[in-house]
Amino acid sequence: GRVVGSSDSKGAFPKDNPKTPQDVLATIYQHLGVDTEKHYLDHSG
């Protein structure tokens, strides 16, 4: 029952407390117990 953030009256631009896709990802990672500041090596090292 909570609403976080809002857009303007036309739904064109953020108005209050805008969030990014990365904020949603950070929420998911936190739930999974993943440290978002940790570094991993890709296939090239």
PDB file of all heavy atoms in Angstrom:
ATOM      1  N   GLY A   1       0.779  -1.227   0.000  1.00  0.00           N
ATOM      2  CA  GLY A   1       0.000   0.000   0.000  1.00  0.00           C
ATOM      3  C   GLY A   1       0.806   1.271   0.000  1.00  0.00           C
ATOM      4  O   GLY A   1       0.306   2.323   0.383  1.00  0.00           O
ATOM      5  N   ARG A   2       2.053   1.210  -0.444  1.00  0.00           N
ATOM      6  CA  ARG A   2       2.890   2.406  -0.452  1.00  0.00           C
ATOM      7  C   ARG A   2       3.236   2.802  -1.880  1.00  0.00           C
ATOM      8  O   ARG A   2       3.449   1.956  -2.739  1.00  0.00           O
ATOM      9  CB  ARG A   2       4.178   2.166   0.337  1.00  0.00           C
ATOM     10  CG  ARG A   2       3.919   1.799   1.786  1.00  0.00           C
ATOM     11  CD  ARG A   2       5.183   1.771   2.600  1.00  0.00           C
ATOM     12  NE  ARG A   2       4.895   1.469   3.998  1.00  0.00           N
ATOM     13  CZ  ARG A   2       5.783   1.567   4.967  1.00  0.00           C
ATOM     14  NH1 ARG A   2       7.015   1.941   4.707  1.00  0.00           N
ATOM     15  NH2 ARG A   2       5.441   1.288   6.216  1.00  0.00           N
ATOM     16  N   VAL A   3       3.285   4.096  -2.099  1.00  0.00           N
ATOM     17  CA  VAL A   3       3.693   4.635  -3.394  1.00  0.00           C
ATOM     18  C   VAL A   3       4.952   5.455  -3.181  1.00  0.00           C
ATOM     19  O   VAL A   3       4.974   6.363  -2.334  1.00  0.00           O
ATOM     20  CB  VAL A   3       2.593   5.514  -4.023  1.00  0.00           C
ATOM     21  CG1 VAL A   3       3.080   6.110  -5.340  1.00  0.00           C
ATOM     22  CG2 VAL A   3       1.323   4.705  -4.239  1.00  0.00           C
ATOM     23  N   VAL A   4       5.998   5.140  -3.915  1.00  0.00           N
ATOM     24  CA  VAL A   4       7.277   5.841  -3.787  1.00  0.00           C
ATOM     25  C   VAL A   4       7.511   6.656  -5.051  1.00  0.00           C
ATOM     26  O   VAL A   4       7.583   6.115  -6.153  1.00  0.00           O
ATOM     27  CB  VAL A   4       8.433   4.844  -3.588  1.00  0.00           C
ATOM     28  CG1 VAL A   4       9.761   5.593  -3.468  1.00  0.00           C
ATOM     29  CG2 VAL A   4       8.184   3.993  -2.355  1.00  0.00           C
ATOM     30  N   GLY A   5       7.614   7.970  -4.892  1.00  0.00           N
ATOM     31  CA  GLY A   5       7.849   8.835  -6.042  1.00  0.00           C
ATOM     32  C   GLY A   5       6.569   9.170  -6.777  1.00  0.00           C
ATOM     33  O   GLY A   5       5.510   8.561  -6.555  1.00  0.00           O
ATOM     34  N   SER A   6       6.659  10.162  -7.656  1.00  0.00           N
ATOM     35  CA  SER A   6       5.497  10.554  -8.456  1.00  0.00           C
ATOM     36  C   SER A   6       5.975  11.223  -9.739  1.00  0.00           C
ATOM     37  O   SER A   6       7.134  11.626  -9.857  1.00  0.00           O
ATOM     38  CB  SER A   6       4.598  11.507  -7.665  1.00  0.00           C
ATOM     39  OG  SER A   6       5.267  12.740  -7.436  1.00  0.00           O
ATOM     40  N   SER A   7       5.052  11.328 -10.685  1.00  0.00           N
ATOM     41  CA  SER A   7       5.343  12.036 -11.929  1.00  0.00           C
ATOM     42  C   SER A   7       4.513  13.317 -11.955  1.00  0.00           C
ATOM     43  O   SER A   7       3.657  13.556 -11.091  1.00  0.00           O
ATOM     44  CB  SER A   7       4.990  11.155 -13.135  1.00  0.00           C
ATOM     45  OG  SER A   7       3.589  10.968 -13.208  1.00  0.00           O
ATOM     46  N   ASP A   8       4.731  14.121 -12.986  1.00  0.00           N
ATOM     47  CA  ASP A   8       3.891  15.310 -13.140  1.00  0.00           C
ATOM     48  C   ASP A   8       2.497  14.897 -13.595  1.00  0.00           C
ATOM     49  O   ASP A   8       2.207  13.712 -13.801  1.00  0.00           O
ATOM     50  CB  ASP A   8       4.530  16.305 -14.111  1.00  0.00           C
ATOM     51  CG  ASP A   8       4.743  15.732 -15.507  1.00  0.00           C
ATOM     52  OD1 ASP A   8       4.066  14.738 -15.865  1.00  0.00           O
ATOM     53  OD2 ASP A   8       5.586  16.261 -16.244  1.00  0.00           O
ATOM     54  N   SER A   9       1.618  15.854 -13.763  1.00  0.00           N
ATOM     55  CA  SER A   9       0.214  15.570 -14.053  1.00  0.00           C
ATOM     56  C   SER A   9       0.009  14.868 -15.387  1.00  0.00           C
ATOM     57  O   SER A   9      -1.009  14.194 -15.587  1.00  0.00           O
ATOM     58  CB  SER A   9      -0.608  16.872 -14.030  1.00  0.00           C
ATOM     59  OG  SER A   9      -0.137  17.788 -15.018  1.00  0.00           O
ATOM     60  N   LYS A  10       0.958  14.994 -16.292  1.00  0.00           N
ATOM     61  CA  LYS A  10       0.841  14.367 -17.602  1.00  0.00           C
ATOM     62  C   LYS A  10       1.604  13.046 -17.702  1.00  0.00           C
ATOM     63  O   LYS A  10       1.584  12.392 -18.747  1.00  0.00           O
ATOM     64  CB  LYS A  10       1.338  15.327 -18.686  1.00  0.00           C
ATOM     65  CG  LYS A  10       0.497  16.585 -18.825  1.00  0.00           C
ATOM     66  CD  LYS A  10       1.031  17.452 -19.934  1.00  0.00           C
ATOM     67  CE  LYS A  10       0.107  18.650 -20.166  1.00  0.00           C
ATOM     68  NZ  LYS A  10      -0.097  19.482 -18.978  1.00  0.00           N
ATOM     69  N   GLY A  11       2.270  12.661 -16.625  1.00  0.00           N
ATOM     70  CA  GLY A  11       3.067  11.441 -16.685  1.00  0.00           C
ATOM     71  C   GLY A  11       4.235  11.556 -17.635  1.00  0.00           C
ATOM     72  O   GLY A  11       4.649  10.564 -18.259  1.00  0.00           O
ATOM     73  N   ALA A  12       4.780  12.759 -17.734  1.00  0.00           N
ATOM     74  CA  ALA A  12       5.859  13.009 -18.694  1.00  0.00           C
ATOM     75  C   ALA A  12       7.233  12.997 -18.048  1.00  0.00           C
ATOM     76  O   ALA A  12       8.204  12.523 -18.651  1.00  0.00           O
ATOM     77  CB  ALA A  12       5.631  14.354 -19.388  1.00  0.00           C
ATOM     78  N   PHE A  13       7.327  13.518 -16.809  1.00  0.00           N
ATOM     79  CA  PHE A  13       8.615  13.606 -16.132  1.00  0.00           C
ATOM     80  C   PHE A  13       8.435  13.349 -14.635  1.00  0.00           C
ATOM     81  O   PHE A  13       7.346  13.582 -14.090  1.00  0.00           O
ATOM     82  CB  PHE A  13       9.252  14.985 -16.350  1.00  0.00           C
ATOM     83  CG  PHE A  13       9.576  15.272 -17.781  1.00  0.00           C
ATOM     84  CD1 PHE A  13       8.722  16.054 -18.546  1.00  0.00           C
ATOM     85  CD2 PHE A  13      10.719  14.742 -18.372  1.00  0.00           C
ATOM     86  CE1 PHE A  13       9.010  16.314 -19.874  1.00  0.00           C
ATOM     87  CE2 PHE A  13      11.012  15.002 -19.698  1.00  0.00           C
ATOM     88  CZ  PHE A  13      10.163  15.789 -20.450  1.00  0.00           C
ATOM     89  N   PRO A  14       9.493  12.894 -13.951  1.00  0.00           N
ATOM     90  CA  PRO A  14       9.397  12.702 -12.498  1.00  0.00           C
ATOM     91  C   PRO A  14       9.113  14.030 -11.812  1.00  0.00           C
ATOM     92  O   PRO A  14       9.568  15.087 -12.252  1.00  0.00           O
ATOM     93  CB  PRO A  14      10.778  12.163 -12.123  1.00  0.00           C
ATOM     94  CG  PRO A  14      11.331  11.585 -13.381  1.00  0.00           C
ATOM     95  CD  PRO A  14      10.787  12.451 -14.489  1.00  0.00           C
ATOM     96  N   LYS A  15       8.374  13.947 -10.713  1.00  0.00           N
ATOM     97  CA  LYS A  15       8.049  15.148  -9.943  1.00  0.00           C
ATOM     98  C   LYS A  15       8.668  15.079  -8.557  1.00  0.00           C
ATOM     99  O   LYS A  15       9.477  15.929  -8.188  1.00  0.00           O
ATOM    100  CB  LYS A  15       6.528  15.311  -9.839  1.00  0.00           C
ATOM    101  CG  LYS A  15       6.099  16.539  -9.048  1.00  0.00           C
ATOM    102  CD  LYS A  15       4.581  16.599  -8.944  1.00  0.00           C
ATOM    103  CE  LYS A  15       4.141  17.794  -8.110  1.00  0.00           C
ATOM    104  NZ  LYS A  15       2.659  17.848  -7.969  1.00  0.00           N
ATOM    105  N   ASP A  16       8.266  14.087  -7.756  1.00  0.00           N
ATOM    106  CA  ASP A  16       8.764  13.975  -6.391  1.00  0.00           C
ATOM    107  C   ASP A  16       9.496  12.653  -6.190  1.00  0.00           C
ATOM    108  O   ASP A  16       9.042  11.607  -6.659  1.00  0.00           O
ATOM    109  CB  ASP A  16       7.604  14.057  -5.393  1.00  0.00           C
ATOM    110  CG  ASP A  16       6.867  15.382  -5.468  1.00  0.00           C
ATOM    111  OD1 ASP A  16       7.546  16.424  -5.510  1.00  0.00           O
ATOM    112  OD2 ASP A  16       5.630  15.356  -5.494  1.00  0.00           O
ATOM    113  N   ASN A  17      10.621  12.741  -5.485  1.00  0.00           N
ATOM    114  CA  ASN A  17      11.349  11.548  -5.059  1.00  0.00           C
ATOM    115  C   ASN A  17      11.578  10.548  -6.206  1.00  0.00           C
ATOM    116  O   ASN A  17      11.190   9.382  -6.122  1.00  0.00           O
ATOM    117  CB  ASN A  17      10.585  10.861  -3.925  1.00  0.00           C
ATOM    118  CG  ASN A  17      11.427   9.832  -3.197  1.00  0.00           C
ATOM    119  OD1 ASN A  17      12.652   9.798  -3.317  1.00  0.00           O
ATOM    120  ND2 ASN A  17      10.772   8.972  -2.434  1.00  0.00           N
ATOM    121  N   PRO A  18      12.207  10.978  -7.288  1.00  0.00           N
ATOM    122  CA  PRO A  18      12.409  10.066  -8.420  1.00  0.00           C
ATOM    123  C   PRO A  18      13.371   8.934  -8.076  1.00  0.00           C
ATOM    124  O   PRO A  18      14.308   9.114  -7.299  1.00  0.00           O
ATOM    125  CB  PRO A  18      12.991  10.975  -9.505  1.00  0.00           C
ATOM    126  CG  PRO A  18      13.661  12.082  -8.736  1.00  0.00           C
ATOM    127  CD  PRO A  18      12.798  12.303  -7.527  1.00  0.00           C
ATOM    128  N   LYS A  19      13.133   7.786  -8.665  1.00  0.00           N
ATOM    129  CA  LYS A  19      13.990   6.622  -8.482  1.00  0.00           C
ATOM    130  C   LYS A  19      14.496   6.150  -9.842  1.00  0.00           C
ATOM    131  O   LYS A  19      13.922   6.463 -10.883  1.00  0.00           O
ATOM    132  CB  LYS A  19      13.236   5.493  -7.790  1.00  0.00           C
ATOM    133  CG  LYS A  19      12.674   5.851  -6.423  1.00  0.00           C
ATOM    134  CD  LYS A  19      13.777   6.201  -5.433  1.00  0.00           C
ATOM    135  CE  LYS A  19      13.194   6.541  -4.060  1.00  0.00           C
ATOM    136  NZ  LYS A  19      14.262   6.871  -3.084  1.00  0.00           N
ATOM    137  N   THR A  20      15.563   5.371  -9.830  1.00  0.00           N
ATOM    138  CA  THR A  20      16.156   4.862 -11.071  1.00  0.00           C
ATOM    139  C   THR A  20      16.013   3.350 -11.128  1.00  0.00           C
ATOM    140  O   THR A  20      15.773   2.696 -10.107  1.00  0.00           O
ATOM    141  CB  THR A  20      17.652   5.221 -11.143  1.00  0.00           C
ATOM    142  OG1 THR A  20      18.367   4.478 -10.135  1.00  0.00           O
ATOM    143  CG2 THR A  20      17.878   6.709 -10.921  1.00  0.00           C
ATOM    144  N   PRO A  21      16.174   2.766 -12.314  1.00  0.00           N
ATOM    145  CA  PRO A  21      16.191   1.300 -12.402  1.00  0.00           C
ATOM    146  C   PRO A  21      17.245   0.668 -11.496  1.00  0.00           C
ATOM    147  O   PRO A  21      17.041  -0.421 -10.957  1.00  0.00           O
ATOM    148  CB  PRO A  21      16.494   1.036 -13.880  1.00  0.00           C
ATOM    149  CG  PRO A  21      15.962   2.239 -14.590  1.00  0.00           C
ATOM    150  CD  PRO A  21      16.225   3.391 -13.655  1.00  0.00           C
ATOM    151  N   GLN A  22      18.371   1.372 -11.312  1.00  0.00           N
ATOM    152  CA  GLN A  22      19.415   0.845 -10.440  1.00  0.00           C
ATOM    153  C   GLN A  22      18.957   0.766  -8.988  1.00  0.00           C
ATOM    154  O   GLN A  22      19.403  -0.111  -8.236  1.00  0.00           O
ATOM    155  CB  GLN A  22      20.680   1.704 -10.554  1.00  0.00           C
ATOM    156  CG  GLN A  22      21.466   1.505 -11.835  1.00  0.00           C
ATOM    157  CD  GLN A  22      20.823   2.159 -13.042  1.00  0.00           C
ATOM    158  OE1 GLN A  22      19.955   3.029 -12.885  1.00  0.00           O
ATOM    159  NE2 GLN A  22      21.224   1.755 -14.227  1.00  0.00           N
ATOM    160  N   ASP A  23      18.062   1.658  -8.578  1.00  0.00           N
ATOM    161  CA  ASP A  23      17.519   1.593  -7.220  1.00  0.00           C
ATOM    162  C   ASP A  23      16.659   0.339  -7.041  1.00  0.00           C
ATOM    163  O   ASP A  23      16.693  -0.296  -5.983  1.00  0.00           O
ATOM    164  CB  ASP A  23      16.679   2.841  -6.925  1.00  0.00           C
ATOM    165  CG  ASP A  23      17.505   4.120  -6.898  1.00  0.00           C
ATOM    166  OD1 ASP A  23      18.682   4.055  -6.497  1.00  0.00           O
ATOM    167  OD2 ASP A  23      16.973   5.171  -7.300  1.00  0.00           O
ATOM    168  N   VAL A  24      15.905  -0.004  -8.071  1.00  0.00           N
ATOM    169  CA  VAL A  24      15.111  -1.234  -8.016  1.00  0.00           C
ATOM    170  C   VAL A  24      16.038  -2.448  -7.973  1.00  0.00           C
ATOM    171  O   VAL A  24      15.818  -3.384  -7.193  1.00  0.00           O
ATOM    172  CB  VAL A  24      14.149  -1.328  -9.211  1.00  0.00           C
ATOM    173  CG1 VAL A  24      13.357  -2.635  -9.166  1.00  0.00           C
ATOM    174  CG2 VAL A  24      13.192  -0.142  -9.232  1.00  0.00           C
ATOM    175  N   LEU A  25      17.080  -2.417  -8.790  1.00  0.00           N
ATOM    176  CA  LEU A  25      18.049  -3.524  -8.780  1.00  0.00           C
ATOM    177  C   LEU A  25      18.723  -3.639  -7.418  1.00  0.00           C
ATOM    178  O   LEU A  25      18.931  -4.750  -6.909  1.00  0.00           O
ATOM    179  CB  LEU A  25      19.091  -3.315  -9.873  1.00  0.00           C
ATOM    180  CG  LEU A  25      18.599  -3.435 -11.318  1.00  0.00           C
ATOM    181  CD1 LEU A  25      19.724  -3.094 -12.286  1.00  0.00           C
ATOM    182  CD2 LEU A  25      18.057  -4.827 -11.599  1.00  0.00           C
ATOM    183  N   ALA A  26      19.068  -2.512  -6.820  1.00  0.00           N
ATOM    184  CA  ALA A  26      19.695  -2.541  -5.497  1.00  0.00           C
ATOM    185  C   ALA A  26      18.755  -3.159  -4.469  1.00  0.00           C
ATOM    186  O   ALA A  26      19.186  -3.875  -3.561  1.00  0.00           O
ATOM    187  CB  ALA A  26      20.089  -1.124  -5.068  1.00  0.00           C
ATOM    188  N   THR A  27      17.457  -2.910  -4.609  1.00  0.00           N
ATOM    189  CA  THR A  27      16.465  -3.503  -3.711  1.00  0.00           C
ATOM    190  C   THR A  27      16.421  -5.014  -3.879  1.00  0.00           C
ATOM    191  O   THR A  27      16.345  -5.763  -2.896  1.00  0.00           O
ATOM    192  CB  THR A  27      15.076  -2.896  -3.996  1.00  0.00           C
ATOM    193  OG1 THR A  27      15.152  -1.467  -3.883  1.00  0.00           O
ATOM    194  CG2 THR A  27      14.035  -3.435  -3.026  1.00  0.00           C
ATOM    195  N   ILE A  28      16.472  -5.456  -5.124  1.00  0.00           N
ATOM    196  CA  ILE A  28      16.457  -6.901  -5.398  1.00  0.00           C
ATOM    197  C   ILE A  28      17.721  -7.553  -4.854  1.00  0.00           C
ATOM    198  O   ILE A  28      17.665  -8.599  -4.201  1.00  0.00           O
ATOM    199  CB  ILE A  28      16.330  -7.145  -6.915  1.00  0.00           C
ATOM    200  CG1 ILE A  28      14.987  -6.606  -7.436  1.00  0.00           C
ATOM    201  CG2 ILE A  28      16.463  -8.636  -7.239  1.00  0.00           C
ATOM    202  CD1 ILE A  28      14.859  -6.642  -8.947  1.00  0.00           C
ATOM    203  N   TYR A  29      18.868  -6.945  -5.109  1.00  0.00           N
ATOM    204  CA  TYR A  29      20.139  -7.504  -4.628  1.00  0.00           C
ATOM    205  C   TYR A  29      20.175  -7.568  -3.103  1.00  0.00           C
ATOM    206  O   TYR A  29      20.685  -8.525  -2.519  1.00  0.00           O
ATOM    207  CB  TYR A  29      21.313  -6.670  -5.140  1.00  0.00           C
ATOM    208  CG  TYR A  29      21.703  -6.942  -6.570  1.00  0.00           C
ATOM    209  CD1 TYR A  29      21.989  -5.894  -7.446  1.00  0.00           C
ATOM    210  CD2 TYR A  29      21.799  -8.245  -7.048  1.00  0.00           C
ATOM    211  CE1 TYR A  29      22.357  -6.132  -8.763  1.00  0.00           C
ATOM    212  CE2 TYR A  29      22.164  -8.492  -8.356  1.00  0.00           C
ATOM    213  CZ  TYR A  29      22.440  -7.433  -9.212  1.00  0.00           C
ATOM    214  OH  TYR A  29      22.798  -7.682 -10.502  1.00  0.00           O
ATOM    215  N   GLN A  30      19.648  -6.537  -2.465  1.00  0.00           N
ATOM    216  CA  GLN A  30      19.629  -6.539  -1.003  1.00  0.00           C
ATOM    217  C   GLN A  30      18.809  -7.717  -0.486  1.00  0.00           C
ATOM    218  O   GLN A  30      19.211  -8.397   0.469  1.00  0.00           O
ATOM    219  CB  GLN A  30      19.052  -5.217  -0.488  1.00  0.00           C
ATOM    220  CG  GLN A  30      19.041  -5.099   1.032  1.00  0.00           C
ATOM    221  CD  GLN A  30      18.392  -3.811   1.491  1.00  0.00           C
ATOM    222  OE1 GLN A  30      17.206  -3.574   1.260  1.00  0.00           O
ATOM    223  NE2 GLN A  30      19.177  -2.948   2.142  1.00  0.00           N
ATOM    224  N   HIS A  31      17.680  -7.970  -1.107  1.00  0.00           N
ATOM    225  CA  HIS A  31      16.839  -9.093  -0.686  1.00  0.00           C
ATOM    226  C   HIS A  31      17.562 -10.421  -0.890  1.00  0.00           C
ATOM    227  O   HIS A  31      17.427 -11.343  -0.080  1.00  0.00           O
ATOM    228  CB  HIS A  31      15.538  -9.085  -1.484  1.00  0.00           C
ATOM    229  CG  HIS A  31      14.635 -10.231  -1.155  1.00  0.00           C
ATOM    230  ND1 HIS A  31      13.951 -10.329   0.042  1.00  0.00           N
ATOM    231  CD2 HIS A  31      14.317 -11.355  -1.859  1.00  0.00           C
ATOM    232  CE1 HIS A  31      13.247 -11.452   0.053  1.00  0.00           C
ATOM    233  NE2 HIS A  31      13.456 -12.081  -1.076  1.00  0.00           N
ATOM    234  N   LEU A  32      18.349 -10.521  -1.954  1.00  0.00           N
ATOM    235  CA  LEU A  32      19.069 -11.756  -2.248  1.00  0.00           C
ATOM    236  C   LEU A  32      20.356 -11.897  -1.436  1.00  0.00           C
ATOM    237  O   LEU A  32      21.012 -12.940  -1.488  1.00  0.00           O
ATOM    238  CB  LEU A  32      19.408 -11.822  -3.743  1.00  0.00           C
ATOM    239  CG  LEU A  32      18.225 -11.978  -4.705  1.00  0.00           C
ATOM    240  CD1 LEU A  32      18.691 -11.830  -6.142  1.00  0.00           C
ATOM    241  CD2 LEU A  32      17.544 -13.323  -4.496  1.00  0.00           C
ATOM    242  N   GLY A  33      20.727 -10.849  -0.712  1.00  0.00           N
ATOM    243  CA  GLY A  33      21.954 -10.902   0.076  1.00  0.00           C
ATOM    244  C   GLY A  33      23.205 -10.691  -0.742  1.00  0.00           C
ATOM    245  O   GLY A  33      24.290 -11.166  -0.369  1.00  0.00           O
ATOM    246  N   VAL A  34      23.071  -9.956  -1.858  1.00  0.00           N
ATOM    247  CA  VAL A  34      24.207  -9.702  -2.744  1.00  0.00           C
ATOM    248  C   VAL A  34      24.809  -8.335  -2.415  1.00  0.00           C
ATOM    249  O   VAL A  34      24.098  -7.332  -2.347  1.00  0.00           O
ATOM    250  CB  VAL A  34      23.775  -9.734  -4.225  1.00  0.00           C
ATOM    251  CG1 VAL A  34      24.936  -9.352  -5.135  1.00  0.00           C
ATOM    252  CG2 VAL A  34      23.249 -11.113  -4.590  1.00  0.00           C
ATOM    253  N   ASP A  35      26.114  -8.300  -2.207  1.00  0.00           N
ATOM    254  CA  ASP A  35      26.832  -7.066  -1.924  1.00  0.00           C
ATOM    255  C   ASP A  35      27.024  -6.296  -3.232  1.00  0.00           C
ATOM    256  O   ASP A  35      27.791  -6.713  -4.097  1.00  0.00           O
ATOM    257  CB  ASP A  35      28.193  -7.379  -1.294  1.00  0.00           C
ATOM    258  CG  ASP A  35      28.967  -6.129  -0.900  1.00  0.00           C
ATOM    259  OD1 ASP A  35      28.475  -5.004  -1.162  1.00  0.00           O
ATOM    260  OD2 ASP A  35      30.059  -6.266  -0.335  1.00  0.00           O
ATOM    261  N   THR A  36      26.330  -5.171  -3.393  1.00  0.00           N
ATOM    262  CA  THR A  36      26.380  -4.435  -4.659  1.00  0.00           C
ATOM    263  C   THR A  36      27.701  -3.701  -4.870  1.00  0.00           C
ATOM    264  O   THR A  36      27.976  -3.232  -5.971  1.00  0.00           O
ATOM    265  CB  THR A  36      25.225  -3.422  -4.740  1.00  0.00           C
ATOM    266  OG1 THR A  36      25.303  -2.515  -3.623  1.00  0.00           O
ATOM    267  CG2 THR A  36      23.882  -4.132  -4.716  1.00  0.00           C
ATOM    268  N   GLU A  37      28.507  -3.590  -3.831  1.00  0.00           N
ATOM    269  CA  GLU A  37      29.791  -2.902  -3.972  1.00  0.00           C
ATOM    270  C   GLU A  37      30.942  -3.865  -4.245  1.00  0.00           C
ATOM    271  O   GLU A  37      32.084  -3.442  -4.426  1.00  0.00           O
ATOM    272  CB  GLU A  37      30.084  -2.092  -2.713  1.00  0.00           C
ATOM    273  CG  GLU A  37      29.069  -0.970  -2.466  1.00  0.00           C
ATOM    274  CD  GLU A  37      29.447  -0.111  -1.274  1.00  0.00           C
ATOM    275  OE1 GLU A  37      30.460  -0.432  -0.617  1.00  0.00           O
ATOM    276  OE2 GLU A  37      28.741   0.877  -1.011  1.00  0.00           O
ATOM    277  N   LYS A  38      30.649  -5.138  -4.277  1.00  0.00           N
ATOM    278  CA  LYS A  38      31.694  -6.124  -4.501  1.00  0.00           C
ATOM    279  C   LYS A  38      32.058  -6.193  -5.977  1.00  0.00           C
ATOM    280  O   LYS A  38      31.202  -6.040  -6.847  1.00  0.00           O
ATOM    281  CB  LYS A  38      31.228  -7.501  -4.016  1.00  0.00           C
ATOM    282  CG  LYS A  38      32.332  -8.553  -4.014  1.00  0.00           C
ATOM    283  CD  LYS A  38      31.865  -9.823  -3.318  1.00  0.00           C
ATOM    284  CE  LYS A  38      32.995 -10.845  -3.250  1.00  0.00           C
ATOM    285  NZ  LYS A  38      32.579 -12.075  -2.538  1.00  0.00           N
ATOM    286  N   HIS A  39      33.322  -6.445  -6.253  1.00  0.00           N
ATOM    287  CA  HIS A  39      33.801  -6.577  -7.624  1.00  0.00           C
ATOM    288  C   HIS A  39      33.993  -8.049  -7.968  1.00  0.00           C
ATOM    289  O   HIS A  39      34.468  -8.838  -7.153  1.00  0.00           O
ATOM    290  CB  HIS A  39      35.134  -5.836  -7.815  1.00  0.00           C
ATOM    291  CG  HIS A  39      35.003  -4.346  -7.827  1.00  0.00           C
ATOM    292  ND1 HIS A  39      34.756  -3.617  -6.674  1.00  0.00           N
ATOM    293  CD2 HIS A  39      35.071  -3.447  -8.839  1.00  0.00           C
ATOM    294  CE1 HIS A  39      34.693  -2.327  -6.982  1.00  0.00           C
ATOM    295  NE2 HIS A  39      34.871  -2.201  -8.285  1.00  0.00           N
ATOM    296  N   TYR A  40      33.625  -8.403  -9.192  1.00  0.00           N
ATOM    297  CA  TYR A  40      33.869  -9.747  -9.718  1.00  0.00           C
ATOM    298  C   TYR A  40      34.693  -9.634 -10.991  1.00  0.00           C
ATOM    299  O   TYR A  40      34.609  -8.629 -11.717  1.00  0.00           O
ATOM    300  CB  TYR A  40      32.553 -10.468 -10.015  1.00  0.00           C
ATOM    301  CG  TYR A  40      31.767 -10.821  -8.781  1.00  0.00           C
ATOM    302  CD1 TYR A  40      30.793  -9.953  -8.280  1.00  0.00           C
ATOM    303  CD2 TYR A  40      31.989 -12.012  -8.100  1.00  0.00           C
ATOM    304  CE1 TYR A  40      30.068 -10.268  -7.136  1.00  0.00           C
ATOM    305  CE2 TYR A  40      31.274 -12.340  -6.950  1.00  0.00           C
ATOM    306  CZ  TYR A  40      30.318 -11.464  -6.478  1.00  0.00           C
ATOM    307  OH  TYR A  40      29.614 -11.775  -5.355  1.00  0.00           O
ATOM    308  N   LEU A  41      35.449 -10.652 -11.275  1.00  0.00           N
ATOM    309  CA  LEU A  41      36.257 -10.650 -12.482  1.00  0.00           C
ATOM    310  C   LEU A  41      35.448 -11.180 -13.656  1.00  0.00           C
ATOM    311  O   LEU A  41      34.779 -12.211 -13.545  1.00  0.00           O
ATOM    312  CB  LEU A  41      37.508 -11.514 -12.292  1.00  0.00           C
ATOM    313  CG  LEU A  41      38.455 -11.103 -11.161  1.00  0.00           C
ATOM    314  CD1 LEU A  41      39.636 -12.055 -11.088  1.00  0.00           C
ATOM    315  CD2 LEU A  41      38.940  -9.666 -11.353  1.00  0.00           C
ATOM    316  N   ASP A  42      35.522 -10.447 -14.792  1.00  0.00           N
ATOM    317  CA  ASP A  42      34.864 -10.963 -15.982  1.00  0.00           C
ATOM    318  C   ASP A  42      35.785 -11.975 -16.668  1.00  0.00           C
ATOM    319  O   ASP A  42      36.837 -12.344 -16.136  1.00  0.00           O
ATOM    320  CB  ASP A  42      34.458  -9.824 -16.918  1.00  0.00           C
ATOM    321  CG  ASP A  42      35.665  -9.090 -17.520  1.00  0.00           C
ATOM    322  OD1 ASP A  42      36.818  -9.552 -17.335  1.00  0.00           O
ATOM    323  OD2 ASP A  42      35.441  -8.060 -18.175  1.00  0.00           O
ATOM    324  N   HIS A  43      35.395 -12.442 -17.844  1.00  0.00           N
ATOM    325  CA  HIS A  43      36.159 -13.504 -18.502  1.00  0.00           C
ATOM    326  C   HIS A  43      37.561 -13.059 -18.932  1.00  0.00           C
ATOM    327  O   HIS A  43      38.424 -13.900 -19.169  1.00  0.00           O
ATOM    328  CB  HIS A  43      35.385 -14.021 -19.714  1.00  0.00           C
ATOM    329  CG  HIS A  43      34.107 -14.723 -19.355  1.00  0.00           C
ATOM    330  ND1 HIS A  43      34.088 -15.906 -18.654  1.00  0.00           N
ATOM    331  CD2 HIS A  43      32.816 -14.386 -19.574  1.00  0.00           C
ATOM    332  CE1 HIS A  43      32.837 -16.278 -18.472  1.00  0.00           C
ATOM    333  NE2 HIS A  43      32.049 -15.372 -19.009  1.00  0.00           N
ATOM    334  N   SER A  44      37.753 -11.753 -19.030  1.00  0.00           N
ATOM    335  CA  SER A  44      39.086 -11.267 -19.391  1.00  0.00           C
ATOM    336  C   SER A  44      39.905 -10.890 -18.168  1.00  0.00           C
ATOM    337  O   SER A  44      41.035 -10.428 -18.306  1.00  0.00           O
ATOM    338  CB  SER A  44      38.967 -10.053 -20.328  1.00  0.00           C
ATOM    339  OG  SER A  44      38.349  -8.966 -19.658  1.00  0.00           O
ATOM    340  N   GLY A  45      39.355 -11.078 -16.971  1.00  0.00           N
ATOM    341  CA  GLY A  45      40.092 -10.780 -15.751  1.00  0.00           C
ATOM    342  C   GLY A  45      39.907  -9.376 -15.221  1.00  0.00           C
ATOM    343  O   GLY A  45      40.534  -9.001 -14.238  1.00  0.00           O
TER     344      GLY A  45
END
